[in-house]
Amino acid sequence: FQEVESGKNSARPELAKALATCRMRRSTLLVAKLDRLARN
């Protein structure tokens, strides 16, 4: 699932879908966040 953030909008509809899919498939949620400062 991919969330495109706009500065104003704090809604996370794709995250909700990802969590629902995790529950349904008994999977682990893996979140990748690029750290802009450390670039890792």
All heavy atoms as atom14 arrays in JSON, in Angstrom:
{
  "sequence": "FQEVESGKNSARPELAKALATCRMRRSTLLVAKLDRLARN",
  "atom14_mask": [
    [1, 1, 1, 1, 1, 1, 1, 1, 1, 1, 1, 0, 0, 0],
    [1, 1, 1, 1, 1, 1, 1, 1, 1, 0, 0, 0, 0, 0],
    [1, 1, 1, 1, 1, 1, 1, 1, 1, 0, 0, 0, 0, 0],
    [1, 1, 1, 1, 1, 1, 1, 0, 0, 0, 0, 0, 0, 0],
    [1, 1, 1, 1, 1, 1, 1, 1, 1, 0, 0, 0, 0, 0],
    [1, 1, 1, 1, 1, 1, 0, 0, 0, 0, 0, 0, 0, 0],
    [1, 1, 1, 1, 0, 0, 0, 0, 0, 0, 0, 0, 0, 0],
    [1, 1, 1, 1, 1, 1, 1, 1, 1, 0, 0, 0, 0, 0],
    [1, 1, 1, 1, 1, 1, 1, 1, 0, 0, 0, 0, 0, 0],
    [1, 1, 1, 1, 1, 1, 0, 0, 0, 0, 0, 0, 0, 0],
    [1, 1, 1, 1, 1, 0, 0, 0, 0, 0, 0, 0, 0, 0],
    [1, 1, 1, 1, 1, 1, 1, 1, 1, 1, 1, 0, 0, 0],
    [1, 1, 1, 1, 1, 1, 1, 0, 0, 0, 0, 0, 0, 0],
    [1, 1, 1, 1, 1, 1, 1, 1, 1, 0, 0, 0, 0, 0],
    [1, 1, 1, 1, 1, 1, 1, 1, 0, 0, 0, 0, 0, 0],
    [1, 1, 1, 1, 1, 0, 0, 0, 0, 0, 0, 0, 0, 0],
    [1, 1, 1, 1, 1, 1, 1, 1, 1, 0, 0, 0, 0, 0],
    [1, 1, 1, 1, 1, 0, 0, 0, 0, 0, 0, 0, 0, 0],
    [1, 1, 1, 1, 1, 1, 1, 1, 0, 0, 0, 0, 0, 0],
    [1, 1, 1, 1, 1, 0, 0, 0, 0, 0, 0, 0, 0, 0],
    [1, 1, 1, 1, 1, 1, 1, 0, 0, 0, 0, 0, 0, 0],
    [1, 1, 1, 1, 1, 1, 0, 0, 0, 0, 0, 0, 0, 0],
    [1, 1, 1, 1, 1, 1, 1, 1, 1, 1, 1, 0, 0, 0],
    [1, 1, 1, 1, 1, 1, 1, 1, 0, 0, 0, 0, 0, 0],
    [1, 1, 1, 1, 1, 1, 1, 1, 1, 1, 1, 0, 0, 0],
    [1, 1, 1, 1, 1, 1, 1, 1, 1, 1, 1, 0, 0, 0],
    [1, 1, 1, 1, 1, 1, 0, 0, 0, 0, 0, 0, 0, 0],
    [1, 1, 1, 1, 1, 1, 1, 0, 0, 0, 0, 0, 0, 0],
    [1, 1, 1, 1, 1, 1, 1, 1, 0, 0, 0, 0, 0, 0],
    [1, 1, 1, 1, 1, 1, 1, 1, 0, 0, 0, 0, 0, 0],
    [1, 1, 1, 1, 1, 1, 1, 0, 0, 0, 0, 0, 0, 0],
    [1, 1, 1, 1, 1, 0, 0, 0, 0, 0, 0, 0, 0, 0],
    [1, 1, 1, 1, 1, 1, 1, 1, 1, 0, 0, 0, 0, 0],
    [1, 1, 1, 1, 1, 1, 1, 1, 0, 0, 0, 0, 0, 0],
    [1, 1, 1, 1, 1, 1, 1, 1, 0, 0, 0, 0, 0, 0],
    [1, 1, 1, 1, 1, 1, 1, 1, 1, 1, 1, 0, 0, 0],
    [1, 1, 1, 1, 1, 1, 1, 1, 0, 0, 0, 0, 0, 0],
    [1, 1, 1, 1, 1, 0, 0, 0, 0, 0, 0, 0, 0, 0],
    [1, 1, 1, 1, 1, 1, 1, 1, 1, 1, 1, 0, 0, 0],
    [1, 1, 1, 1, 1, 1, 1, 1, 0, 0, 0, 0, 0, 0]
  ],
  "atom14_positions": [
    [[0.86, -1.19, 0.0], [0.0, 0.0, 0.0], [0.89, 1.23, 0.0], [1.9, 1.26, 0.7], [-0.92, 0.0, 1.23], [-1.9, -1.14, 1.22], [-1.54, -2.37, 1.75], [-3.15, -0.99, 0.66], [-2.43, -3.45, 1.73], [-4.05, -2.06, 0.62], [-3.68, -3.29, 1.16], [0.0, 0.0, 0.0], [0.0, 0.0, 0.0], [0.0, 0.0, 0.0]],
    [[0.53, 2.23, -0.79], [1.34, 3.43, -0.89], [0.49, 4.66, -0.6], [-0.56, 4.85, -1.2], [1.94, 3.54, -2.29], [2.87, 4.71, -2.46], [3.47, 4.75, -3.85], [3.89, 3.73, -4.38], [3.5, 5.93, -4.44], [0.0, 0.0, 0.0], [0.0, 0.0, 0.0], [0.0, 0.0, 0.0], [0.0, 0.0, 0.0], [0.0, 0.0, 0.0]],
    [[0.96, 5.46, 0.34], [0.25, 6.68, 0.73], [1.0, 7.86, 0.15], [2.21, 8.0, 0.36], [0.28, 6.79, 2.26], [-0.76, 7.7, 2.84], [-2.03, 6.93, 3.18], [-2.02, 6.14, 4.13], [-3.04, 7.12, 2.48], [0.0, 0.0, 0.0], [0.0, 0.0, 0.0], [0.0, 0.0, 0.0], [0.0, 0.0, 0.0], [0.0, 0.0, 0.0]],
    [[0.3, 8.7, -0.61], [0.9, 9.96, -1.05], [0.4, 11.04, -0.11], [-0.79, 11.31, -0.04], [0.55, 10.28, -2.52], [1.16, 11.62, -2.93], [1.04, 9.17, -3.43], [0.0, 0.0, 0.0], [0.0, 0.0, 0.0], [0.0, 0.0, 0.0], [0.0, 0.0, 0.0], [0.0, 0.0, 0.0], [0.0, 0.0, 0.0], [0.0, 0.0, 0.0]],
    [[1.31, 11.64, 0.63], [0.96, 12.65, 1.63], [0.88, 14.03, 1.0], [1.77, 14.41, 0.25], [2.06, 12.74, 2.69], [2.19, 11.58, 3.6], [3.3, 11.87, 4.59], [3.03, 12.57, 5.58], [4.43, 11.41, 4.36], [0.0, 0.0, 0.0], [0.0, 0.0, 0.0], [0.0, 0.0, 0.0], [0.0, 0.0, 0.0], [0.0, 0.0, 0.0]],
    [[-0.16, 14.75, 1.36], [-0.13, 16.18, 1.07], [0.06, 16.85, 2.42], [-0.29, 16.29, 3.45], [-1.44, 16.63, 0.43], [-2.48, 16.58, 1.37], [0.0, 0.0, 0.0], [0.0, 0.0, 0.0], [0.0, 0.0, 0.0], [0.0, 0.0, 0.0], [0.0, 0.0, 0.0], [0.0, 0.0, 0.0], [0.0, 0.0, 0.0], [0.0, 0.0, 0.0]],
    [[0.62, 18.03, 2.42], [0.93, 18.7, 3.68], [-0.28, 18.88, 4.58], [-0.18, 18.76, 5.79], [0.0, 0.0, 0.0], [0.0, 0.0, 0.0], [0.0, 0.0, 0.0], [0.0, 0.0, 0.0], [0.0, 0.0, 0.0], [0.0, 0.0, 0.0], [0.0, 0.0, 0.0], [0.0, 0.0, 0.0], [0.0, 0.0, 0.0], [0.0, 0.0, 0.0]],
    [[-1.43, 19.16, 3.98], [-2.62, 19.5, 4.78], [-3.34, 18.27, 5.32], [-3.91, 18.31, 6.39], [-3.61, 20.3, 3.91], [-3.08, 21.65, 3.48], [-4.11, 22.43, 2.68], [-4.34, 21.83, 1.31], [-3.23, 22.08, 0.36], [0.0, 0.0, 0.0], [0.0, 0.0, 0.0], [0.0, 0.0, 0.0], [0.0, 0.0, 0.0], [0.0, 0.0, 0.0]],
    [[-3.31, 17.2, 4.56], [-4.18, 16.06, 4.85], [-3.5, 15.07, 5.79], [-2.46, 14.51, 5.46], [-4.55, 15.38, 3.53], [-5.58, 14.3, 3.73], [-6.08, 14.09, 4.84], [-5.92, 13.6, 2.66], [0.0, 0.0, 0.0], [0.0, 0.0, 0.0], [0.0, 0.0, 0.0], [0.0, 0.0, 0.0], [0.0, 0.0, 0.0], [0.0, 0.0, 0.0]],
    [[-4.09, 14.83, 6.96], [-3.48, 13.88, 7.89], [-4.17, 12.52, 7.83], [-3.81, 11.61, 8.57], [-3.54, 14.43, 9.32], [-4.87, 14.57, 9.71], [0.0, 0.0, 0.0], [0.0, 0.0, 0.0], [0.0, 0.0, 0.0], [0.0, 0.0, 0.0], [0.0, 0.0, 0.0], [0.0, 0.0, 0.0], [0.0, 0.0, 0.0], [0.0, 0.0, 0.0]],
    [[-5.15, 12.37, 6.95], [-5.84, 11.08, 6.81], [-4.87, 10.04, 6.24], [-4.01, 10.37, 5.44], [-7.05, 11.22, 5.91], [0.0, 0.0, 0.0], [0.0, 0.0, 0.0], [0.0, 0.0, 0.0], [0.0, 0.0, 0.0], [0.0, 0.0, 0.0], [0.0, 0.0, 0.0], [0.0, 0.0, 0.0], [0.0, 0.0, 0.0], [0.0, 0.0, 0.0]],
    [[-5.01, 8.8, 6.66], [-4.15, 7.73, 6.18], [-5.0, 6.55, 5.71], [-4.96, 5.47, 6.32], [-3.19, 7.26, 7.3], [-2.29, 8.34, 7.85], [-1.0, 8.46, 7.07], [-0.15, 9.49, 7.61], [-0.1, 10.74, 7.13], [-0.87, 11.1, 6.13], [0.72, 11.62, 7.67], [0.0, 0.0, 0.0], [0.0, 0.0, 0.0], [0.0, 0.0, 0.0]],
    [[-5.78, 6.74, 4.65], [-6.67, 5.65, 4.22], [-5.92, 4.38, 3.81], [-6.39, 3.27, 4.06], [-7.43, 6.24, 3.03], [-6.61, 7.42, 2.58], [-5.92, 7.93, 3.82], [0.0, 0.0, 0.0], [0.0, 0.0, 0.0], [0.0, 0.0, 0.0], [0.0, 0.0, 0.0], [0.0, 0.0, 0.0], [0.0, 0.0, 0.0], [0.0, 0.0, 0.0]],
    [[-4.75, 4.53, 3.21], [-4.0, 3.34, 2.77], [-3.46, 2.57, 3.97], [-3.35, 1.35, 3.94], [-2.86, 3.74, 1.82], [-3.35, 4.28, 0.49], [-4.24, 3.3, -0.27], [-3.8, 2.15, -0.48], [-5.36, 3.67, -0.65], [0.0, 0.0, 0.0], [0.0, 0.0, 0.0], [0.0, 0.0, 0.0], [0.0, 0.0, 0.0], [0.0, 0.0, 0.0]],
    [[-3.1, 3.3, 5.04], [-2.62, 2.62, 6.25], [-3.75, 1.78, 6.85], [-3.52, 0.64, 7.27], [-2.12, 3.64, 7.27], [-1.59, 3.06, 8.59], [-0.48, 2.05, 8.36], [-1.12, 4.18, 9.51], [0.0, 0.0, 0.0], [0.0, 0.0, 0.0], [0.0, 0.0, 0.0], [0.0, 0.0, 0.0], [0.0, 0.0, 0.0], [0.0, 0.0, 0.0]],
    [[-4.95, 2.31, 6.84], [-6.1, 1.55, 7.36], [-6.3, 0.27, 6.55], [-6.55, -0.81, 7.11], [-7.36, 2.42, 7.32], [0.0, 0.0, 0.0], [0.0, 0.0, 0.0], [0.0, 0.0, 0.0], [0.0, 0.0, 0.0], [0.0, 0.0, 0.0], [0.0, 0.0, 0.0], [0.0, 0.0, 0.0], [0.0, 0.0, 0.0], [0.0, 0.0, 0.0]],
    [[-6.17, 0.38, 5.22], [-6.31, -0.81, 4.37], [-5.2, -1.81, 4.65], [-5.43, -3.03, 4.67], [-6.26, -0.4, 2.89], [-7.48, 0.33, 2.39], [-7.34, 0.56, 0.89], [-8.02, 1.85, 0.48], [-7.68, 2.21, -0.92], [0.0, 0.0, 0.0], [0.0, 0.0, 0.0], [0.0, 0.0, 0.0], [0.0, 0.0, 0.0], [0.0, 0.0, 0.0]],
    [[-3.98, -1.3, 4.85], [-2.84, -2.18, 5.11], [-3.06, -2.95, 6.41], [-2.81, -4.16, 6.48], [-1.55, -1.36, 5.19], [0.0, 0.0, 0.0], [0.0, 0.0, 0.0], [0.0, 0.0, 0.0], [0.0, 0.0, 0.0], [0.0, 0.0, 0.0], [0.0, 0.0, 0.0], [0.0, 0.0, 0.0], [0.0, 0.0, 0.0], [0.0, 0.0, 0.0]],
    [[-3.55, -2.25, 7.45], [-3.79, -2.9, 8.74], [-4.89, -3.96, 8.62], [-4.79, -5.04, 9.2], [-4.17, -1.85, 9.79], [-3.0, -0.97, 10.24], [-3.51, 0.22, 11.04], [-1.99, -1.77, 11.05], [0.0, 0.0, 0.0], [0.0, 0.0, 0.0], [0.0, 0.0, 0.0], [0.0, 0.0, 0.0], [0.0, 0.0, 0.0], [0.0, 0.0, 0.0]],
    [[-5.93, -3.64, 7.87], [-7.02, -4.6, 7.67], [-6.51, -5.85, 6.95], [-6.87, -6.97, 7.29], [-8.15, -3.95, 6.87], [0.0, 0.0, 0.0], [0.0, 0.0, 0.0], [0.0, 0.0, 0.0], [0.0, 0.0, 0.0], [0.0, 0.0, 0.0], [0.0, 0.0, 0.0], [0.0, 0.0, 0.0], [0.0, 0.0, 0.0], [0.0, 0.0, 0.0]],
    [[-5.65, -5.64, 5.98], [-5.06, -6.77, 5.22], [-4.19, -7.62, 6.14], [-4.21, -8.85, 6.05], [-4.25, -6.25, 4.02], [-5.1, -5.44, 3.2], [-3.69, -7.4, 3.19], [0.0, 0.0, 0.0], [0.0, 0.0, 0.0], [0.0, 0.0, 0.0], [0.0, 0.0, 0.0], [0.0, 0.0, 0.0], [0.0, 0.0, 0.0], [0.0, 0.0, 0.0]],
    [[-3.43, -6.97, 7.03], [-2.62, -7.7, 8.0], [-3.47, -8.62, 8.86], [-3.12, -9.78, 9.08], [-1.87, -6.73, 8.92], [-0.42, -6.02, 8.18], [0.0, 0.0, 0.0], [0.0, 0.0, 0.0], [0.0, 0.0, 0.0], [0.0, 0.0, 0.0], [0.0, 0.0, 0.0], [0.0, 0.0, 0.0], [0.0, 0.0, 0.0], [0.0, 0.0, 0.0]],
    [[-4.58, -8.08, 9.35], [-5.45, -8.89, 10.21], [-6.03, -10.06, 9.44], [-6.06, -11.19, 9.92], [-6.57, -8.01, 10.79], [-6.12, -7.12, 11.93], [-7.28, -6.47, 12.64], [-7.94, -5.48, 11.82], [-7.62, -4.19, 11.8], [-6.62, -3.73, 12.54], [-8.28, -3.35, 11.04], [0.0, 0.0, 0.0], [0.0, 0.0, 0.0], [0.0, 0.0, 0.0]],
    [[-6.48, -9.77, 8.22], [-7.13, -10.78, 7.41], [-6.16, -11.91, 7.04], [-6.51, -13.08, 7.06], [-7.67, -10.11, 6.14], [-8.61, -10.93, 5.33], [-9.29, -9.9, 3.99], [-7.84, -9.64, 2.97], [0.0, 0.0, 0.0], [0.0, 0.0, 0.0], [0.0, 0.0, 0.0], [0.0, 0.0, 0.0], [0.0, 0.0, 0.0], [0.0, 0.0, 0.0]],
    [[-4.93, -11.54, 6.7], [-3.96, -12.53, 6.22], [-2.98, -12.97, 7.3], [-2.06, -13.72, 7.03], [-3.2, -11.97, 5.02], [-4.16, -11.49, 3.92], [-3.44, -11.25, 2.64], [-2.91, -12.51, 2.09], [-2.65, -12.72, 0.8], [-2.88, -11.76, -0.06], [-2.16, -13.85, 0.39], [0.0, 0.0, 0.0], [0.0, 0.0, 0.0], [0.0, 0.0, 0.0]],
    [[-3.17, -12.45, 8.52], [-2.26, -12.75, 9.62], [-0.81, -12.45, 9.23], [0.09, -13.27, 9.42], [-2.38, -14.2, 10.07], [-3.78, -14.57, 10.53], [-3.77, -15.81, 11.39], [-5.07, -16.4, 11.65], [-6.09, -15.8, 12.24], [-6.0, -14.54, 12.6], [-7.24, -16.43, 12.45], [0.0, 0.0, 0.0], [0.0, 0.0, 0.0], [0.0, 0.0, 0.0]],
    [[-0.62, -11.27, 8.67], [0.69, -10.85, 8.21], [1.26, -9.79, 9.14], [0.55, -9.21, 9.96], [0.59, -10.28, 6.79], [0.14, -11.27, 5.89], [0.0, 0.0, 0.0], [0.0, 0.0, 0.0], [0.0, 0.0, 0.0], [0.0, 0.0, 0.0], [0.0, 0.0, 0.0], [0.0, 0.0, 0.0], [0.0, 0.0, 0.0], [0.0, 0.0, 0.0]],
    [[2.55, -9.51, 8.97], [3.23, -8.47, 9.73], [3.28, -7.2, 8.9], [3.63, -7.25, 7.71], [4.68, -8.92, 10.05], [4.62, -10.12, 10.81], [5.43, -7.85, 10.84], [0.0, 0.0, 0.0], [0.0, 0.0, 0.0], [0.0, 0.0, 0.0], [0.0, 0.0, 0.0], [0.0, 0.0, 0.0], [0.0, 0.0, 0.0], [0.0, 0.0, 0.0]],
    [[2.94, -6.08, 9.51], [3.01, -4.81, 8.79], [4.46, -4.34, 8.75], [5.15, -4.3, 9.77], [2.16, -3.74, 9.49], [2.12, -2.37, 8.8], [1.43, -2.47, 7.44], [1.44, -1.34, 9.68], [0.0, 0.0, 0.0], [0.0, 0.0, 0.0], [0.0, 0.0, 0.0], [0.0, 0.0, 0.0], [0.0, 0.0, 0.0], [0.0, 0.0, 0.0]],
    [[4.92, -4.01, 7.56], [6.28, -3.53, 7.37], [6.17, -2.1, 6.84], [5.58, -1.87, 5.78], [7.0, -4.43, 6.37], [8.48, -4.22, 6.12], [9.28, -4.35, 7.42], [8.98, -5.23, 5.1], [0.0, 0.0, 0.0], [0.0, 0.0, 0.0], [0.0, 0.0, 0.0], [0.0, 0.0, 0.0], [0.0, 0.0, 0.0], [0.0, 0.0, 0.0]],
    [[6.71, -1.15, 7.61], [6.62, 0.26, 7.23], [8.0, 0.75, 6.84], [8.95, 0.62, 7.62], [6.08, 1.12, 8.4], [6.06, 2.6, 8.0], [4.69, 0.65, 8.82], [0.0, 0.0, 0.0], [0.0, 0.0, 0.0], [0.0, 0.0, 0.0], [0.0, 0.0, 0.0], [0.0, 0.0, 0.0], [0.0, 0.0, 0.0], [0.0, 0.0, 0.0]],
    [[8.11, 1.29, 5.65], [9.39, 1.84, 5.21], [9.25, 3.35, 5.18], [8.37, 3.89, 4.53], [9.75, 1.32, 3.83], [0.0, 0.0, 0.0], [0.0, 0.0, 0.0], [0.0, 0.0, 0.0], [0.0, 0.0, 0.0], [0.0, 0.0, 0.0], [0.0, 0.0, 0.0], [0.0, 0.0, 0.0], [0.0, 0.0, 0.0], [0.0, 0.0, 0.0]],
    [[10.11, 4.02, 5.93], [10.06, 5.47, 5.96], [11.45, 6.0, 5.68], [12.4, 5.64, 6.35], [9.59, 5.94, 7.34], [9.49, 7.44, 7.48], [8.94, 7.78, 8.86], [9.02, 9.27, 9.13], [10.42, 9.73, 9.25], [0.0, 0.0, 0.0], [0.0, 0.0, 0.0], [0.0, 0.0, 0.0], [0.0, 0.0, 0.0], [0.0, 0.0, 0.0]],
    [[11.56, 6.82, 4.67], [12.87, 7.37, 4.35], [13.15, 8.56, 5.25], [12.39, 9.52, 5.28], [12.91, 7.81, 2.89], [14.31, 7.86, 2.31], [14.84, 6.43, 2.12], [14.31, 8.58, 0.98], [0.0, 0.0, 0.0], [0.0, 0.0, 0.0], [0.0, 0.0, 0.0], [0.0, 0.0, 0.0], [0.0, 0.0, 0.0], [0.0, 0.0, 0.0]],
    [[14.24, 8.47, 6.01], [14.61, 9.54, 6.93], [15.38, 10.59, 6.14], [16.47, 10.34, 5.67], [15.47, 8.95, 8.05], [15.84, 10.0, 9.09], [16.12, 11.15, 8.73], [15.85, 9.65, 10.27], [0.0, 0.0, 0.0], [0.0, 0.0, 0.0], [0.0, 0.0, 0.0], [0.0, 0.0, 0.0], [0.0, 0.0, 0.0], [0.0, 0.0, 0.0]],
    [[14.79, 11.76, 5.99], [15.4, 12.77, 5.12], [16.71, 13.31, 5.68], [17.55, 13.8, 4.93], [14.43, 13.93, 4.91], [13.24, 13.58, 4.05], [12.24, 14.71, 4.01], [10.97, 14.31, 3.42], [10.05, 13.6, 4.04], [10.26, 13.19, 5.28], [8.93, 13.29, 3.45], [0.0, 0.0, 0.0], [0.0, 0.0, 0.0], [0.0, 0.0, 0.0]],
    [[16.89, 13.27, 6.99], [18.13, 13.81, 7.58], [19.27, 12.83, 7.43], [20.34, 13.17, 6.95], [17.9, 14.15, 9.06], [16.89, 15.27, 9.31], [16.65, 15.42, 10.81], [17.39, 16.59, 8.73], [0.0, 0.0, 0.0], [0.0, 0.0, 0.0], [0.0, 0.0, 0.0], [0.0, 0.0, 0.0], [0.0, 0.0, 0.0], [0.0, 0.0, 0.0]],
    [[19.05, 11.62, 7.87], [20.12, 10.62, 7.86], [20.23, 9.97, 6.49], [21.22, 9.32, 6.19], [19.87, 9.57, 8.92], [0.0, 0.0, 0.0], [0.0, 0.0, 0.0], [0.0, 0.0, 0.0], [0.0, 0.0, 0.0], [0.0, 0.0, 0.0], [0.0, 0.0, 0.0], [0.0, 0.0, 0.0], [0.0, 0.0, 0.0], [0.0, 0.0, 0.0]],
    [[19.21, 10.12, 5.66], [19.16, 9.47, 4.34], [19.34, 7.96, 4.44], [20.02, 7.36, 3.62], [20.21, 10.07, 3.39], [19.94, 11.52, 3.06], [20.76, 11.98, 1.88], [20.54, 13.39, 1.61], [19.51, 13.91, 0.96], [18.55, 13.12, 0.54], [19.4, 15.2, 0.77], [0.0, 0.0, 0.0], [0.0, 0.0, 0.0], [0.0, 0.0, 0.0]],
    [[18.75, 7.39, 5.46], [18.76, 5.93, 5.53], [17.34, 5.47, 5.77], [16.47, 6.26, 6.11], [19.71, 5.41, 6.62], [19.2, 5.72, 8.01], [18.31, 6.55, 8.18], [19.76, 5.08, 9.0], [0.0, 0.0, 0.0], [0.0, 0.0, 0.0], [0.0, 0.0, 0.0], [0.0, 0.0, 0.0], [0.0, 0.0, 0.0], [0.0, 0.0, 0.0]]
  ]
}
